[in-house]
């Protein structure tokens, strides 16, 4: 499974509030082909809960799902939120990545 820091959870909750999402929404992580390094991180909200086969957990009451096909790529990844004005956004510390792009939004294995 992956881990979300307290700062990441707080930012996700802020986004959920801004978007008017219900408390039952699930934050789902997956990967997609593409990006400058081969794979891109995907974070999305599922209003109807997790999908079959997802690995699920909670962080401070926030339901989180990891797509089953993403487990080999994202297992043990730490998701944080950087609030520095020059580098604001989610960051991924992925021990499975053999390389990353300069912006940190894609990776290779």
PDB file of N, CA and C in Angstrom:
ATOM      1  N   UNK A   1       0.843  -1.190   0.000  1.00  0.00           N
ATOM      2  CA  UNK A   1       0.000   0.000   0.000  1.00  0.00           C
ATOM      3  C   UNK A   1       0.874   1.233   0.000  1.00  0.00           C
ATOM      4  N   UNK A   2       0.298   2.345  -0.321  1.00  0.00           N
ATOM      5  CA  UNK A   2       1.027   3.609  -0.245  1.00  0.00           C
ATOM      6  C   UNK A   2       0.635   4.345   1.026  1.00  0.00           C
ATOM      7  N   UNK A   3       1.361   5.418   1.309  1.00  0.00           N
ATOM      8  CA  UNK A   3       1.146   6.199   2.524  1.00  0.00           C
ATOM      9  C   UNK A   3       0.907   7.658   2.159  1.00  0.00           C
ATOM     10  N   UNK A   4      -0.031   8.312   2.834  1.00  0.00           N
ATOM     11  CA  UNK A   4      -0.245   9.738   2.693  1.00  0.00           C
ATOM     12  C   UNK A   4       0.197  10.427   3.980  1.00  0.00           C
ATOM     13  N   UNK A   5       0.964  11.494   3.841  1.00  0.00           N
ATOM     14  CA  UNK A   5       1.366  12.268   5.014  1.00  0.00           C
ATOM     15  C   UNK A   5       0.179  13.093   5.498  1.00  0.00           C
ATOM     16  N   UNK A   6       0.303  13.624   6.695  1.00  0.00           N
ATOM     17  CA  UNK A   6      -0.759  14.479   7.243  1.00  0.00           C
ATOM     18  C   UNK A   6      -1.000  15.700   6.358  1.00  0.00           C
ATOM     19  N   UNK A   7       0.073  16.271   5.794  1.00  0.00           N
ATOM     20  CA  UNK A   7      -0.083  17.433   4.909  1.00  0.00           C
ATOM     21  C   UNK A   7      -0.842  17.060   3.644  1.00  0.00           C
ATOM     22  N   UNK A   8      -0.583  15.871   3.105  1.00  0.00           N
ATOM     23  CA  UNK A   8      -1.289  15.427   1.907  1.00  0.00           C
ATOM     24  C   UNK A   8      -2.767  15.209   2.215  1.00  0.00           C
ATOM     25  N   UNK A   9      -3.066  14.593   3.346  1.00  0.00           N
ATOM     26  CA  UNK A   9      -4.456  14.361   3.739  1.00  0.00           C
ATOM     27  C   UNK A   9      -5.183  15.701   3.898  1.00  0.00           C
ATOM     28  N   UNK A  10      -4.544  16.655   4.532  1.00  0.00           N
ATOM     29  CA  UNK A  10      -5.173  17.965   4.733  1.00  0.00           C
ATOM     30  C   UNK A  10      -5.468  18.640   3.392  1.00  0.00           C
ATOM     31  N   UNK A  11      -4.552  18.547   2.445  1.00  0.00           N
ATOM     32  CA  UNK A  11      -4.775  19.164   1.134  1.00  0.00           C
ATOM     33  C   UNK A  11      -5.881  18.434   0.368  1.00  0.00           C
ATOM     34  N   UNK A  12      -5.920  17.125   0.445  1.00  0.00           N
ATOM     35  CA  UNK A  12      -6.988  16.368  -0.217  1.00  0.00           C
ATOM     36  C   UNK A  12      -8.342  16.772   0.368  1.00  0.00           C
ATOM     37  N   UNK A  13      -8.416  16.898   1.682  1.00  0.00           N
ATOM     38  CA  UNK A  13      -9.679  17.313   2.319  1.00  0.00           C
ATOM     39  C   UNK A  13     -10.088  18.718   1.864  1.00  0.00           C
ATOM     40  N   UNK A  14      -9.117  19.607   1.709  1.00  0.00           N
ATOM     41  CA  UNK A  14      -9.407  20.963   1.233  1.00  0.00           C
ATOM     42  C   UNK A  14      -9.976  20.909  -0.181  1.00  0.00           C
ATOM     43  N   UNK A  15      -9.361  20.106  -1.041  1.00  0.00           N
ATOM     44  CA  UNK A  15      -9.828  19.964  -2.425  1.00  0.00           C
ATOM     45  C   UNK A  15     -11.230  19.370  -2.449  1.00  0.00           C
ATOM     46  N   UNK A  16     -11.462  18.354  -1.631  1.00  0.00           N
ATOM     47  CA  UNK A  16     -12.796  17.738  -1.574  1.00  0.00           C
ATOM     48  C   UNK A  16     -13.846  18.761  -1.163  1.00  0.00           C
ATOM     49  N   UNK A  17     -13.515  19.581  -0.187  1.00  0.00           N
ATOM     50  CA  UNK A  17     -14.444  20.616   0.272  1.00  0.00           C
ATOM     51  C   UNK A  17     -14.704  21.629  -0.843  1.00  0.00           C
ATOM     52  N   UNK A  18     -13.632  22.082  -1.500  1.00  0.00           N
ATOM     53  CA  UNK A  18     -13.773  23.047  -2.597  1.00  0.00           C
ATOM     54  C   UNK A  18     -14.630  22.505  -3.732  1.00  0.00           C
ATOM     55  N   UNK A  19     -14.545  21.185  -3.979  1.00  0.00           N
ATOM     56  CA  UNK A  19     -15.291  20.579  -5.077  1.00  0.00           C
ATOM     57  C   UNK A  19     -16.669  20.087  -4.648  1.00  0.00           C
ATOM     58  N   UNK A  20     -16.980  20.239  -3.362  1.00  0.00           N
ATOM     59  CA  UNK A  20     -18.286  19.841  -2.866  1.00  0.00           C
ATOM     60  C   UNK A  20     -18.500  18.332  -2.865  1.00  0.00           C
ATOM     61  N   UNK A  21     -17.421  17.574  -2.701  1.00  0.00           N
ATOM     62  CA  UNK A  21     -17.533  16.112  -2.691  1.00  0.00           C
ATOM     63  C   UNK A  21     -18.044  15.627  -1.347  1.00  0.00           C
ATOM     64  N   UNK A  22     -18.797  14.547  -1.384  1.00  0.00           N
ATOM     65  CA  UNK A  22     -19.346  13.991  -0.155  1.00  0.00           C
ATOM     66  C   UNK A  22     -18.246  13.323   0.661  1.00  0.00           C
ATOM     67  N   UNK A  23     -18.526  13.126   1.929  1.00  0.00           N
ATOM     68  CA  UNK A  23     -17.562  12.476   2.818  1.00  0.00           C
ATOM     69  C   UNK A  23     -17.314  11.033   2.408  1.00  0.00           C
ATOM     70  N   UNK A  24     -18.200  10.447   1.597  1.00  0.00           N
ATOM     71  CA  UNK A  24     -18.034   9.071   1.157  1.00  0.00           C
ATOM     72  C   UNK A  24     -17.133   8.906  -0.051  1.00  0.00           C
ATOM     73  N   UNK A  25     -16.648  10.005  -0.618  1.00  0.00           N
ATOM     74  CA  UNK A  25     -15.773   9.918  -1.785  1.00  0.00           C
ATOM     75  C   UNK A  25     -14.454   9.251  -1.400  1.00  0.00           C
ATOM     76  N   UNK A  26     -13.915   8.491  -2.334  1.00  0.00           N
ATOM     77  CA  UNK A  26     -12.660   7.777  -2.128  1.00  0.00           C
ATOM     78  C   UNK A  26     -11.592   8.393  -3.020  1.00  0.00           C
ATOM     79  N   UNK A  27     -10.399   8.614  -2.463  1.00  0.00           N
ATOM     80  CA  UNK A  27      -9.265   9.067  -3.259  1.00  0.00           C
ATOM     81  C   UNK A  27      -8.601   7.829  -3.843  1.00  0.00           C
ATOM     82  N   UNK A  28      -8.556   7.737  -5.174  1.00  0.00           N
ATOM     83  CA  UNK A  28      -8.027   6.546  -5.841  1.00  0.00           C
ATOM     84  C   UNK A  28      -6.736   6.887  -6.573  1.00  0.00           C
ATOM     85  N   UNK A  29      -5.728   6.052  -6.369  1.00  0.00           N
ATOM     86  CA  UNK A  29      -4.439   6.182  -7.035  1.00  0.00           C
ATOM     87  C   UNK A  29      -4.285   5.072  -8.062  1.00  0.00           C
ATOM     88  N   UNK A  30      -3.776   5.441  -9.227  1.00  0.00           N
ATOM     89  CA  UNK A  30      -3.457   4.472 -10.260  1.00  0.00           C
ATOM     90  C   UNK A  30      -2.297   5.032 -11.077  1.00  0.00           C
ATOM     91  N   UNK A  31      -1.899   4.306 -12.103  1.00  0.00           N
ATOM     92  CA  UNK A  31      -0.862   4.785 -13.013  1.00  0.00           C
ATOM     93  C   UNK A  31      -1.403   4.713 -14.433  1.00  0.00           C
ATOM     94  N   UNK A  32      -0.858   5.554 -15.281  1.00  0.00           N
ATOM     95  CA  UNK A  32      -1.229   5.560 -16.693  1.00  0.00           C
ATOM     96  C   UNK A  32       0.052   5.619 -17.517  1.00  0.00           C
ATOM     97  N   UNK A  33       0.027   4.999 -18.666  1.00  0.00           N
ATOM     98  CA  UNK A  33       1.158   5.110 -19.574  1.00  0.00           C
ATOM     99  C   UNK A  33       1.263   6.526 -20.082  1.00  0.00           C
ATOM    100  N   UNK A  34       2.475   7.021 -20.179  1.00  0.00           N
ATOM    101  CA  UNK A  34       2.674   8.372 -20.688  1.00  0.00           C
ATOM    102  C   UNK A  34       3.576   9.184 -19.789  1.00  0.00           C
ATOM    103  N   UNK A  35       3.675  10.434 -20.081  1.00  0.00           N
ATOM    104  CA  UNK A  35       4.598  11.292 -19.348  1.00  0.00           C
ATOM    105  C   UNK A  35       5.990  11.139 -19.935  1.00  0.00           C
ATOM    106  N   UNK A  36       6.883  11.985 -19.540  1.00  0.00           N
ATOM    107  CA  UNK A  36       8.219  11.953 -20.132  1.00  0.00           C
ATOM    108  C   UNK A  36       9.071  10.788 -19.640  1.00  0.00           C
ATOM    109  N   UNK A  37       8.642  10.089 -18.590  1.00  0.00           N
ATOM    110  CA  UNK A  37       9.430   8.964 -18.083  1.00  0.00           C
ATOM    111  C   UNK A  37       8.756   7.604 -18.293  1.00  0.00           C
ATOM    112  N   UNK A  38       7.583   7.563 -18.887  1.00  0.00           N
ATOM    113  CA  UNK A  38       6.944   6.285 -19.185  1.00  0.00           C
ATOM    114  C   UNK A  38       5.618   6.050 -18.489  1.00  0.00           C
ATOM    115  N   UNK A  39       5.517   6.384 -17.201  1.00  0.00           N
ATOM    116  CA  UNK A  39       4.280   6.226 -16.440  1.00  0.00           C
ATOM    117  C   UNK A  39       3.951   7.537 -15.738  1.00  0.00           C
ATOM    118  N   UNK A  40       2.663   7.802 -15.590  1.00  0.00           N
ATOM    119  CA  UNK A  40       2.216   8.996 -14.871  1.00  0.00           C
ATOM    120  C   UNK A  40       1.383   8.588 -13.668  1.00  0.00           C
ATOM    121  N   UNK A  41       1.516   9.355 -12.588  1.00  0.00           N
ATOM    122  CA  UNK A  41       0.687   9.149 -11.404  1.00  0.00           C
ATOM    123  C   UNK A  41      -0.706   9.687 -11.679  1.00  0.00           C
ATOM    124  N   UNK A  42      -1.717   8.948 -11.234  1.00  0.00           N
ATOM    125  CA  UNK A  42      -3.105   9.389 -11.395  1.00  0.00           C
ATOM    126  C   UNK A  42      -3.765   9.398 -10.019  1.00  0.00           C
ATOM    127  N   UNK A  43      -4.316  10.556  -9.656  1.00  0.00           N
ATOM    128  CA  UNK A  43      -5.090  10.717  -8.424  1.00  0.00           C
ATOM    129  C   UNK A  43      -6.468  11.206  -8.852  1.00  0.00           C
ATOM    130  N   UNK A  44      -7.509  10.499  -8.409  1.00  0.00           N
ATOM    131  CA  UNK A  44      -8.858  10.917  -8.772  1.00  0.00           C
ATOM    132  C   UNK A  44      -9.824  10.533  -7.663  1.00  0.00           C
ATOM    133  N   UNK A  45     -10.950  11.199  -7.643  1.00  0.00           N
ATOM    134  CA  UNK A  45     -11.978  10.893  -6.656  1.00  0.00           C
ATOM    135  C   UNK A  45     -13.011   9.967  -7.269  1.00  0.00           C
ATOM    136  N   UNK A  46     -13.396   8.958  -6.515  1.00  0.00           N
ATOM    137  CA  UNK A  46     -14.456   8.031  -6.907  1.00  0.00           C
ATOM    138  C   UNK A  46     -15.614   8.292  -5.957  1.00  0.00           C
ATOM    139  N   UNK A  47     -16.698   8.779  -6.466  1.00  0.00           N
ATOM    140  CA  UNK A  47     -17.853   9.110  -5.642  1.00  0.00           C
ATOM    141  C   UNK A  47     -18.581   7.857  -5.163  1.00  0.00           C
ATOM    142  N   UNK A  48     -18.463   6.772  -5.927  1.00  0.00           N
ATOM    143  CA  UNK A  48     -19.192   5.545  -5.609  1.00  0.00           C
ATOM    144  C   UNK A  48     -18.345   4.525  -4.846  1.00  0.00           C
ATOM    145  N   UNK A  49     -17.255   4.938  -4.258  1.00  0.00           N
ATOM    146  CA  UNK A  49     -16.398   4.017  -3.517  1.00  0.00           C
ATOM    147  C   UNK A  49     -15.328   3.416  -4.403  1.00  0.00           C
ATOM    148  N   UNK A  50     -14.580   2.486  -3.840  1.00  0.00           N
ATOM    149  CA  UNK A  50     -13.484   1.871  -4.574  1.00  0.00           C
ATOM    150  C   UNK A  50     -14.015   0.862  -5.585  1.00  0.00           C
ATOM    151  N   UNK A  51     -13.160   0.470  -6.512  1.00  0.00           N
ATOM    152  CA  UNK A  51     -13.518  -0.508  -7.533  1.00  0.00           C
ATOM    153  C   UNK A  51     -13.086  -1.898  -7.095  1.00  0.00           C
ATOM    154  N   UNK A  52     -13.682  -2.919  -7.686  1.00  0.00           N
ATOM    155  CA  UNK A  52     -13.316  -4.295  -7.359  1.00  0.00           C
ATOM    156  C   UNK A  52     -11.823  -4.508  -7.560  1.00  0.00           C
ATOM    157  N   UNK A  53     -11.193  -5.142  -6.589  1.00  0.00           N
ATOM    158  CA  UNK A  53      -9.776  -5.451  -6.672  1.00  0.00           C
ATOM    159  C   UNK A  53      -8.860  -4.385  -6.106  1.00  0.00           C
ATOM    160  N   UNK A  54      -9.383  -3.186  -5.849  1.00  0.00           N
ATOM    161  CA  UNK A  54      -8.561  -2.128  -5.265  1.00  0.00           C
ATOM    162  C   UNK A  54      -8.077  -2.542  -3.879  1.00  0.00           C
ATOM    163  N   UNK A  55      -6.894  -2.081  -3.521  1.00  0.00           N
ATOM    164  CA  UNK A  55      -6.377  -2.230  -2.162  1.00  0.00           C
ATOM    165  C   UNK A  55      -6.799  -0.963  -1.428  1.00  0.00           C
ATOM    166  N   UNK A  56      -7.509  -1.095  -0.318  1.00  0.00           N
ATOM    167  CA  UNK A  56      -8.071   0.072   0.351  1.00  0.00           C
ATOM    168  C   UNK A  56      -7.539   0.232   1.771  1.00  0.00           C
ATOM    169  N   UNK A  57      -7.518   1.475   2.212  1.00  0.00           N
ATOM    170  CA  UNK A  57      -7.127   1.816   3.578  1.00  0.00           C
ATOM    171  C   UNK A  57      -7.696   3.193   3.889  1.00  0.00           C
ATOM    172  N   UNK A  58      -7.387   3.708   5.067  1.00  0.00           N
ATOM    173  CA  UNK A  58      -7.800   5.057   5.466  1.00  0.00           C
ATOM    174  C   UNK A  58      -6.630   5.771   6.104  1.00  0.00           C
ATOM    175  N   UNK A  59      -6.582   7.071   5.912  1.00  0.00           N
ATOM    176  CA  UNK A  59      -5.608   7.929   6.580  1.00  0.00           C
ATOM    177  C   UNK A  59      -6.387   9.040   7.259  1.00  0.00           C
ATOM    178  N   UNK A  60      -6.399   9.035   8.581  1.00  0.00           N
ATOM    179  CA  UNK A  60      -7.141  10.014   9.364  1.00  0.00           C
ATOM    180  C   UNK A  60      -8.595  10.094   8.901  1.00  0.00           C
ATOM    181  N   UNK A  61      -9.186   8.943   8.620  1.00  0.00           N
ATOM    182  CA  UNK A  61     -10.580   8.880   8.200  1.00  0.00           C
ATOM    183  C   UNK A  61     -10.807   9.109   6.718  1.00  0.00           C
ATOM    184  N   UNK A  62      -9.762   9.415   5.956  1.00  0.00           N
ATOM    185  CA  UNK A  62      -9.884   9.621   4.512  1.00  0.00           C
ATOM    186  C   UNK A  62      -9.742   8.278   3.805  1.00  0.00           C
ATOM    187  N   UNK A  63     -10.797   7.807   3.113  1.00  0.00           N
ATOM    188  CA  UNK A  63     -10.690   6.537   2.412  1.00  0.00           C
ATOM    189  C   UNK A  63      -9.808   6.669   1.168  1.00  0.00           C
ATOM    190  N   UNK A  64      -8.866   5.735   1.041  1.00  0.00           N
ATOM    191  CA  UNK A  64      -7.910   5.746  -0.062  1.00  0.00           C
ATOM    192  C   UNK A  64      -7.899   4.366  -0.706  1.00  0.00           C
ATOM    193  N   UNK A  65      -7.872   4.351  -2.044  1.00  0.00           N
ATOM    194  CA  UNK A  65      -7.810   3.098  -2.792  1.00  0.00           C
ATOM    195  C   UNK A  65      -6.610   3.134  -3.731  1.00  0.00           C
ATOM    196  N   UNK A  66      -5.975   1.986  -3.868  1.00  0.00           N
ATOM    197  CA  UNK A  66      -4.875   1.807  -4.805  1.00  0.00           C
ATOM    198  C   UNK A  66      -5.327   0.773  -5.822  1.00  0.00           C
ATOM    199  N   UNK A  67      -5.348   1.159  -7.093  1.00  0.00           N
ATOM    200  CA  UNK A  67      -5.779   0.247  -8.148  1.00  0.00           C
ATOM    201  C   UNK A  67      -4.908  -0.998  -8.127  1.00  0.00           C
ATOM    202  N   UNK A  68      -5.533  -2.158  -8.286  1.00  0.00           N
ATOM    203  CA  UNK A  68      -4.788  -3.420  -8.181  1.00  0.00           C
ATOM    204  C   UNK A  68      -3.648  -3.508  -9.183  1.00  0.00           C
ATOM    205  N   UNK A  69      -3.837  -2.988 -10.403  1.00  0.00           N
ATOM    206  CA  UNK A  69      -2.759  -3.063 -11.384  1.00  0.00           C
ATOM    207  C   UNK A  69      -1.641  -2.057 -11.121  1.00  0.00           C
ATOM    208  N   UNK A  70      -1.848  -1.132 -10.194  1.00  0.00           N
ATOM    209  CA  UNK A  70      -0.822  -0.151  -9.853  1.00  0.00           C
ATOM    210  C   UNK A  70       0.034  -0.575  -8.661  1.00  0.00           C
ATOM    211  N   UNK A  71      -0.385  -1.625  -7.957  1.00  0.00           N
ATOM    212  CA  UNK A  71       0.342  -2.047  -6.753  1.00  0.00           C
ATOM    213  C   UNK A  71       1.825  -2.271  -7.014  1.00  0.00           C
ATOM    214  N   UNK A  72       2.228  -2.992  -8.068  1.00  0.00           N
ATOM    215  CA  UNK A  72       3.671  -3.200  -8.269  1.00  0.00           C
ATOM    216  C   UNK A  72       4.449  -1.904  -8.500  1.00  0.00           C
ATOM    217  N   UNK A  73       3.766  -0.880  -8.993  1.00  0.00           N
ATOM    218  CA  UNK A  73       4.423   0.390  -9.296  1.00  0.00           C
ATOM    219  C   UNK A  73       4.407   1.377  -8.135  1.00  0.00           C
ATOM    220  N   UNK A  74       3.370   1.307  -7.289  1.00  0.00           N
ATOM    221  CA  UNK A  74       3.192   2.318  -6.241  1.00  0.00           C
ATOM    222  C   UNK A  74       3.301   1.778  -4.821  1.00  0.00           C
ATOM    223  N   UNK A  75       3.517   0.478  -4.665  1.00  0.00           N
ATOM    224  CA  UNK A  75       3.622  -0.092  -3.325  1.00  0.00           C
ATOM    225  C   UNK A  75       4.741   0.591  -2.548  1.00  0.00           C
ATOM    226  N   UNK A  76       4.461   0.983  -1.325  1.00  0.00           N
ATOM    227  CA  UNK A  76       5.390   1.668  -0.417  1.00  0.00           C
ATOM    228  C   UNK A  76       5.732   3.101  -0.835  1.00  0.00           C
ATOM    229  N   UNK A  77       4.967   3.674  -1.737  1.00  0.00           N
ATOM    230  CA  UNK A  77       5.167   5.071  -2.132  1.00  0.00           C
ATOM    231  C   UNK A  77       4.594   5.978  -1.048  1.00  0.00           C
ATOM    232  N   UNK A  78       5.292   7.079  -0.783  1.00  0.00           N
ATOM    233  CA  UNK A  78       4.832   8.081   0.179  1.00  0.00           C
ATOM    234  C   UNK A  78       4.385   9.313  -0.606  1.00  0.00           C
ATOM    235  N   UNK A  79       3.133   9.715  -0.398  1.00  0.00           N
ATOM    236  CA  UNK A  79       2.582  10.893  -1.049  1.00  0.00           C
ATOM    237  C   UNK A  79       2.551  12.017  -0.022  1.00  0.00           C
ATOM    238  N   UNK A  80       3.168  13.140  -0.387  1.00  0.00           N
ATOM    239  CA  UNK A  80       3.237  14.301   0.495  1.00  0.00           C
ATOM    240  C   UNK A  80       2.679  15.490  -0.274  1.00  0.00           C
ATOM    241  N   UNK A  81       2.529  16.606   0.427  1.00  0.00           N
ATOM    242  CA  UNK A  81       2.110  17.840  -0.226  1.00  0.00           C
ATOM    243  C   UNK A  81       3.108  18.919   0.118  1.00  0.00           C
ATOM    244  N   UNK A  82       3.644  19.558  -0.911  1.00  0.00           N
ATOM    245  CA  UNK A  82       4.599  20.647  -0.748  1.00  0.00           C
ATOM    246  C   UNK A  82       3.847  21.959  -0.929  1.00  0.00           C
ATOM    247  N   UNK A  83       3.834  22.787   0.120  1.00  0.00           N
ATOM    248  CA  UNK A  83       3.106  24.054   0.015  1.00  0.00           C
ATOM    249  C   UNK A  83       4.023  25.247  -0.225  1.00  0.00           C
ATOM    250  N   UNK A  84       5.268  24.987  -0.587  1.00  0.00           N
ATOM    251  CA  UNK A  84       6.197  26.055  -0.960  1.00  0.00           C
ATOM    252  C   UNK A  84       5.665  26.726  -2.235  1.00  0.00           C
ATOM    253  N   UNK A  85       5.546  28.047  -2.251  1.00  0.00           N
ATOM    254  CA  UNK A  85       4.954  28.726  -3.417  1.00  0.00           C
ATOM    255  C   UNK A  85       5.654  28.409  -4.745  1.00  0.00           C
ATOM    256  N   UNK A  86       6.933  28.096  -4.715  1.00  0.00           N
ATOM    257  CA  UNK A  86       7.630  27.824  -5.979  1.00  0.00           C
ATOM    258  C   UNK A  86       7.507  26.374  -6.438  1.00  0.00           C
ATOM    259  N   UNK A  87       7.076  25.485  -5.548  1.00  0.00           N
ATOM    260  CA  UNK A  87       6.938  24.063  -5.912  1.00  0.00           C
ATOM    261  C   UNK A  87       5.688  23.461  -5.286  1.00  0.00           C
ATOM    262  N   UNK A  88       4.592  24.170  -5.355  1.00  0.00           N
ATOM    263  CA  UNK A  88       3.352  23.724  -4.717  1.00  0.00           C
ATOM    264  C   UNK A  88       2.771  22.517  -5.454  1.00  0.00           C
ATOM    265  N   UNK A  89       2.429  21.478  -4.707  1.00  0.00           N
ATOM    266  CA  UNK A  89       1.778  20.318  -5.301  1.00  0.00           C
ATOM    267  C   UNK A  89       2.102  19.041  -4.555  1.00  0.00           C
ATOM    268  N   UNK A  90       1.490  17.962  -4.999  1.00  0.00           N
ATOM    269  CA  UNK A  90       1.724  16.655  -4.401  1.00  0.00           C
ATOM    270  C   UNK A  90       3.058  16.109  -4.889  1.00  0.00           C
ATOM    271  N   UNK A  91       3.763  15.429  -3.994  1.00  0.00           N
ATOM    272  CA  UNK A  91       5.026  14.798  -4.340  1.00  0.00           C
ATOM    273  C   UNK A  91       4.929  13.307  -4.056  1.00  0.00           C
ATOM    274  N   UNK A  92       5.684  12.526  -4.806  1.00  0.00           N
ATOM    275  CA  UNK A  92       5.668  11.074  -4.684  1.00  0.00           C
ATOM    276  C   UNK A  92       7.082  10.582  -4.433  1.00  0.00           C
ATOM    277  N   UNK A  93       7.290   9.948  -3.293  1.00  0.00           N
ATOM    278  CA  UNK A  93       8.567   9.302  -2.993  1.00  0.00           C
ATOM    279  C   UNK A  93       8.347   7.818  -3.264  1.00  0.00           C
ATOM    280  N   UNK A  94       8.760   7.396  -4.462  1.00  0.00           N
ATOM    281  CA  UNK A  94       8.445   6.065  -4.957  1.00  0.00           C
ATOM    282  C   UNK A  94       9.700   5.192  -5.007  1.00  0.00           C
ATOM    283  N   UNK A  95       9.825   4.222  -4.090  1.00  0.00           N
ATOM    284  CA  UNK A  95      11.007   3.362  -4.076  1.00  0.00           C
ATOM    285  C   UNK A  95      11.064   2.396  -5.257  1.00  0.00           C
ATOM    286  N   UNK A  96       9.982   2.271  -6.005  1.00  0.00           N
ATOM    287  CA  UNK A  96       9.937   1.365  -7.154  1.00  0.00           C
ATOM    288  C   UNK A  96      10.394   2.028  -8.446  1.00  0.00           C
ATOM    289  N   UNK A  97      10.523   3.347  -8.433  1.00  0.00           N
ATOM    290  CA  UNK A  97      10.893   4.089  -9.639  1.00  0.00           C
ATOM    291  C   UNK A  97      12.404   4.036  -9.856  1.00  0.00           C
ATOM    292  N   UNK A  98      12.786   3.723 -11.085  1.00  0.00           N
ATOM    293  CA  UNK A  98      14.214   3.738 -11.426  1.00  0.00           C
ATOM    294  C   UNK A  98      14.629   5.101 -11.962  1.00  0.00           C
ATOM    295  N   UNK A  99      13.641   5.927 -12.311  1.00  0.00           N
ATOM    296  CA  UNK A  99      13.909   7.275 -12.780  1.00  0.00           C
ATOM    297  C   UNK A  99      12.641   8.101 -12.718  1.00  0.00           C
ATOM    298  N   UNK A 100      12.809   9.411 -12.680  1.00  0.00           N
ATOM    299  CA  UNK A 100      11.659  10.314 -12.671  1.00  0.00           C
ATOM    300  C   UNK A 100      11.938  11.484 -13.592  1.00  0.00           C
ATOM    301  N   UNK A 101      10.895  12.190 -13.976  1.00  0.00           N
ATOM    302  CA  UNK A 101      11.062  13.389 -14.775  1.00  0.00           C
ATOM    303  C   UNK A 101      11.389  14.561 -13.843  1.00  0.00           C
ATOM    304  N   UNK A 102      11.769  15.658 -14.403  1.00  0.00           N
ATOM    305  CA  UNK A 102      12.130  16.829 -13.607  1.00  0.00           C
ATOM    306  C   UNK A 102      10.996  17.381 -12.777  1.00  0.00           C
ATOM    307  N   UNK A 103       9.762  17.269 -13.258  1.00  0.00           N
ATOM    308  CA  UNK A 103       8.635  17.834 -12.513  1.00  0.00           C
ATOM    309  C   UNK A 103       8.080  16.857 -11.486  1.00  0.00           C
ATOM    310  N   UNK A 104       8.493  15.568 -11.549  1.00  0.00           N
ATOM    311  CA  UNK A 104       8.058  14.598 -10.559  1.00  0.00           C
ATOM    312  C   UNK A 104       6.695  13.996 -10.804  1.00  0.00           C
ATOM    313  N   UNK A 105       6.084  14.281 -11.969  1.00  0.00           N
ATOM    314  CA  UNK A 105       4.748  13.751 -12.224  1.00  0.00           C
ATOM    315  C   UNK A 105       4.765  12.448 -13.027  1.00  0.00           C
ATOM    316  N   UNK A 106       5.937  12.030 -13.493  1.00  0.00           N
ATOM    317  CA  UNK A 106       6.022  10.747 -14.185  1.00  0.00           C
ATOM    318  C   UNK A 106       7.276  10.012 -13.724  1.00  0.00           C
ATOM    319  N   UNK A 107       7.291   8.701 -13.991  1.00  0.00           N
ATOM    320  CA  UNK A 107       8.394   7.874 -13.507  1.00  0.00           C
ATOM    321  C   UNK A 107       8.606   6.691 -14.442  1.00  0.00           C
ATOM    322  N   UNK A 108       9.751   6.049 -14.285  1.00  0.00           N
ATOM    323  CA  UNK A 108      10.031   4.815 -15.026  1.00  0.00           C
ATOM    324  C   UNK A 108      10.382   3.733 -14.016  1.00  0.00           C
ATOM    325  N   UNK A 109      10.206   2.485 -14.447  1.00  0.00           N
ATOM    326  CA  UNK A 109      10.533   1.346 -13.571  1.00  0.00           C
ATOM    327  C   UNK A 109      11.500   0.413 -14.283  1.00  0.00           C
TER     328      UNK A 109
END
